[in-house]
Amino acid sequence: FPDENPQEIQIRIQDTQTQPSQIVTTTEEIDKPQFMEQDIPTSGWSVQVASYTTLEEAQDKIKELQTSGHQAYYIVGMVNGENWYRVRVGGFATKNTANSGKSVLERQL
């Protein structure tokens, strides 16, 4: 477990205006991003990115997408009597912009 045996972590620090990047080695634990409340679009189009059997997996993916600036959320769907957490990126005004957003997400992911 990470809390019991901290591992060495390398962090790249860069201020592009004043200096080249530096690599700093530390054993400090880095705070893990917390799941943010969902901001579910009330209109428009969405792109489904993934589907998971556990809420935790869906929340981890949402954190990753939100950190990248995407409006990510999940909905719950029932498949063969089991809950599936469908991760989506939404808020696209039209089907065409959703398709463009899908292409961008495919390249990024």
C-alpha atoms as a PDB file:
ATOM      1  CA  PHE A   1       0.000   0.000   0.000  1.00  0.00           C
ATOM      2  CA  PRO A   2       1.366   3.429  -0.908  1.00  0.00           C
ATOM      3  CA  ASP A   3       0.794   4.824   2.603  1.00  0.00           C
ATOM      4  CA  GLU A   4       2.977   2.165   4.186  1.00  0.00           C
ATOM      5  CA  ASN A   5       5.955   2.340   1.793  1.00  0.00           C
ATOM      6  CA  PRO A   6       6.256   5.700   0.076  1.00  0.00           C
ATOM      7  CA  GLN A   7       7.994   5.332  -3.255  1.00  0.00           C
ATOM      8  CA  GLU A   8      10.278   7.832  -4.874  1.00  0.00           C
ATOM      9  CA  ILE A   9       8.359  10.051  -7.246  1.00  0.00           C
ATOM     10  CA  GLN A  10       9.914  12.163  -9.962  1.00  0.00           C
ATOM     11  CA  ILE A  11       8.195  15.449 -10.693  1.00  0.00           C
ATOM     12  CA  ARG A  12       9.005  17.633 -13.673  1.00  0.00           C
ATOM     13  CA  ILE A  13       8.871  21.340 -12.847  1.00  0.00           C
ATOM     14  CA  GLN A  14       8.937  23.853 -15.644  1.00  0.00           C
ATOM     15  CA  ASP A  15       8.585  27.597 -15.884  1.00  0.00           C
ATOM     16  CA  THR A  16       8.935  28.096 -19.606  1.00  0.00           C
ATOM     17  CA  GLN A  17       9.465  31.827 -19.289  1.00  0.00           C
ATOM     18  CA  THR A  18      12.469  31.736 -16.975  1.00  0.00           C
ATOM     19  CA  GLN A  19      14.174  28.353 -17.017  1.00  0.00           C
ATOM     20  CA  PRO A  20      14.307  24.922 -18.642  1.00  0.00           C
ATOM     21  CA  SER A  21      12.488  22.047 -16.955  1.00  0.00           C
ATOM     22  CA  GLN A  22      13.973  20.432 -13.858  1.00  0.00           C
ATOM     23  CA  ILE A  23      13.341  16.984 -12.417  1.00  0.00           C
ATOM     24  CA  VAL A  24      12.892  16.871  -8.656  1.00  0.00           C
ATOM     25  CA  THR A  25      12.859  13.558  -6.775  1.00  0.00           C
ATOM     26  CA  THR A  26      10.761  13.326  -3.634  1.00  0.00           C
ATOM     27  CA  THR A  27       9.098  10.758  -1.390  1.00  0.00           C
ATOM     28  CA  GLU A  28       6.249  13.123  -0.501  1.00  0.00           C
ATOM     29  CA  GLU A  29       2.815  11.824  -1.268  1.00  0.00           C
ATOM     30  CA  ILE A  30       0.976  13.821  -3.908  1.00  0.00           C
ATOM     31  CA  ASP A  31      -2.667  14.596  -3.189  1.00  0.00           C
ATOM     32  CA  LYS A  32      -4.979  12.590  -5.415  1.00  0.00           C
ATOM     33  CA  PRO A  33      -7.662  14.724  -7.129  1.00  0.00           C
ATOM     34  CA  GLN A  34     -11.057  14.378  -5.515  1.00  0.00           C
ATOM     35  CA  PHE A  35     -14.231  13.540  -7.414  1.00  0.00           C
ATOM     36  CA  MET A  36     -16.109  16.737  -8.193  1.00  0.00           C
ATOM     37  CA  GLU A  37     -19.870  16.940  -8.067  1.00  0.00           C
ATOM     38  CA  GLN A  38     -21.502  16.277 -11.380  1.00  0.00           C
ATOM     39  CA  ASP A  39     -22.625  19.114 -13.567  1.00  0.00           C
ATOM     40  CA  ILE A  40     -24.979  17.282 -15.912  1.00  0.00           C
ATOM     41  CA  PRO A  41     -25.930  19.158 -19.087  1.00  0.00           C
ATOM     42  CA  THR A  42     -29.643  19.836 -19.306  1.00  0.00           C
ATOM     43  CA  SER A  43     -29.724  20.075 -23.092  1.00  0.00           C
ATOM     44  CA  GLY A  44     -27.710  19.253 -26.160  1.00  0.00           C
ATOM     45  CA  TRP A  45     -25.687  16.233 -27.197  1.00  0.00           C
ATOM     46  CA  SER A  46     -23.202  14.004 -25.330  1.00  0.00           C
ATOM     47  CA  VAL A  47     -20.478  11.530 -26.249  1.00  0.00           C
ATOM     48  CA  GLN A  48     -20.181   8.320 -24.252  1.00  0.00           C
ATOM     49  CA  VAL A  49     -16.527   7.704 -23.398  1.00  0.00           C
ATOM     50  CA  ALA A  50     -16.654   4.529 -21.288  1.00  0.00           C
ATOM     51  CA  SER A  51     -18.891   2.244 -19.261  1.00  0.00           C
ATOM     52  CA  TYR A  52     -17.934   0.633 -15.940  1.00  0.00           C
ATOM     53  CA  THR A  53     -19.464  -1.853 -13.514  1.00  0.00           C
ATOM     54  CA  THR A  54     -18.327   0.149 -10.461  1.00  0.00           C
ATOM     55  CA  LEU A  55     -18.984   3.740  -9.495  1.00  0.00           C
ATOM     56  CA  GLU A  56     -15.361   4.160  -8.359  1.00  0.00           C
ATOM     57  CA  GLU A  57     -14.013   3.365 -11.845  1.00  0.00           C
ATOM     58  CA  ALA A  58     -16.455   5.821 -13.393  1.00  0.00           C
ATOM     59  CA  GLN A  59     -15.491   8.532 -10.894  1.00  0.00           C
ATOM     60  CA  ASP A  60     -11.784   7.999 -11.616  1.00  0.00           C
ATOM     61  CA  LYS A  61     -12.396   8.436 -15.355  1.00  0.00           C
ATOM     62  CA  ILE A  62     -14.522  11.515 -14.711  1.00  0.00           C
ATOM     63  CA  LYS A  63     -11.740  13.058 -12.585  1.00  0.00           C
ATOM     64  CA  GLU A  64      -9.286  12.453 -15.425  1.00  0.00           C
ATOM     65  CA  LEU A  65     -11.614  14.036 -17.985  1.00  0.00           C
ATOM     66  CA  GLN A  66     -12.511  16.992 -15.742  1.00  0.00           C
ATOM     67  CA  THR A  67      -8.830  17.653 -15.091  1.00  0.00           C
ATOM     68  CA  SER A  68      -8.405  17.882 -18.873  1.00  0.00           C
ATOM     69  CA  GLY A  69     -11.180  20.483 -19.027  1.00  0.00           C
ATOM     70  CA  HIS A  70     -14.054  18.306 -20.222  1.00  0.00           C
ATOM     71  CA  GLN A  71     -17.590  18.462 -18.840  1.00  0.00           C
ATOM     72  CA  ALA A  72     -17.760  14.807 -17.767  1.00  0.00           C
ATOM     73  CA  TYR A  73     -20.475  13.011 -15.835  1.00  0.00           C
ATOM     74  CA  TYR A  74     -22.032   9.571 -15.491  1.00  0.00           C
ATOM     75  CA  ILE A  75     -25.461   8.079 -15.840  1.00  0.00           C
ATOM     76  CA  VAL A  76     -26.562   4.695 -14.555  1.00  0.00           C
ATOM     77  CA  GLY A  77     -27.913   2.104 -16.956  1.00  0.00           C
ATOM     78  CA  MET A  78     -29.241  -1.358 -16.248  1.00  0.00           C
ATOM     79  CA  VAL A  79     -27.731  -4.178 -18.350  1.00  0.00           C
ATOM     80  CA  ASN A  80     -28.785  -7.798 -17.670  1.00  0.00           C
ATOM     81  CA  GLY A  81     -29.873  -6.857 -14.146  1.00  0.00           C
ATOM     82  CA  GLU A  82     -26.606  -5.056 -13.279  1.00  0.00           C
ATOM     83  CA  ASN A  83     -25.872  -1.353 -12.923  1.00  0.00           C
ATOM     84  CA  TRP A  84     -23.396   0.088 -15.426  1.00  0.00           C
ATOM     85  CA  TYR A  85     -21.969   3.575 -14.954  1.00  0.00           C
ATOM     86  CA  ARG A  86     -21.778   5.260 -18.353  1.00  0.00           C
ATOM     87  CA  VAL A  87     -19.219   8.068 -18.497  1.00  0.00           C
ATOM     88  CA  ARG A  88     -20.121  10.837 -20.903  1.00  0.00           C
ATOM     89  CA  VAL A  89     -18.806  14.202 -22.017  1.00  0.00           C
ATOM     90  CA  GLY A  90     -21.573  16.574 -22.884  1.00  0.00           C
ATOM     91  CA  GLY A  91     -23.013  19.936 -23.453  1.00  0.00           C
ATOM     92  CA  PHE A  92     -22.524  19.948 -27.226  1.00  0.00           C
ATOM     93  CA  ALA A  93     -25.075  22.234 -28.897  1.00  0.00           C
ATOM     94  CA  THR A  94     -25.568  20.152 -32.054  1.00  0.00           C
ATOM     95  CA  LYS A  95     -24.983  16.644 -33.330  1.00  0.00           C
ATOM     96  CA  ASN A  96     -22.208  17.980 -35.594  1.00  0.00           C
ATOM     97  CA  THR A  97     -20.342  19.578 -32.686  1.00  0.00           C
ATOM     98  CA  ALA A  98     -20.750  16.347 -30.700  1.00  0.00           C
ATOM     99  CA  ASN A  99     -19.203  14.407 -33.596  1.00  0.00           C
ATOM    100  CA  SER A 100     -16.324  16.915 -33.719  1.00  0.00           C
ATOM    101  CA  GLY A 101     -15.928  16.576 -29.948  1.00  0.00           C
ATOM    102  CA  LYS A 102     -15.883  12.806 -30.328  1.00  0.00           C
ATOM    103  CA  SER A 103     -12.994  13.068 -32.787  1.00  0.00           C
ATOM    104  CA  VAL A 104     -11.060  15.297 -30.383  1.00  0.00           C
ATOM    105  CA  LEU A 105     -11.682  12.887 -27.493  1.00  0.00           C
ATOM    106  CA  GLU A 106     -10.534   9.921 -29.585  1.00  0.00           C
ATOM    107  CA  ARG A 107      -7.239  11.680 -30.300  1.00  0.00           C
ATOM    108  CA  GLN A 108      -6.761  12.726 -26.672  1.00  0.00           C
ATOM    109  CA  LEU A 109      -7.652   9.379 -25.145  1.00  0.00           C
END
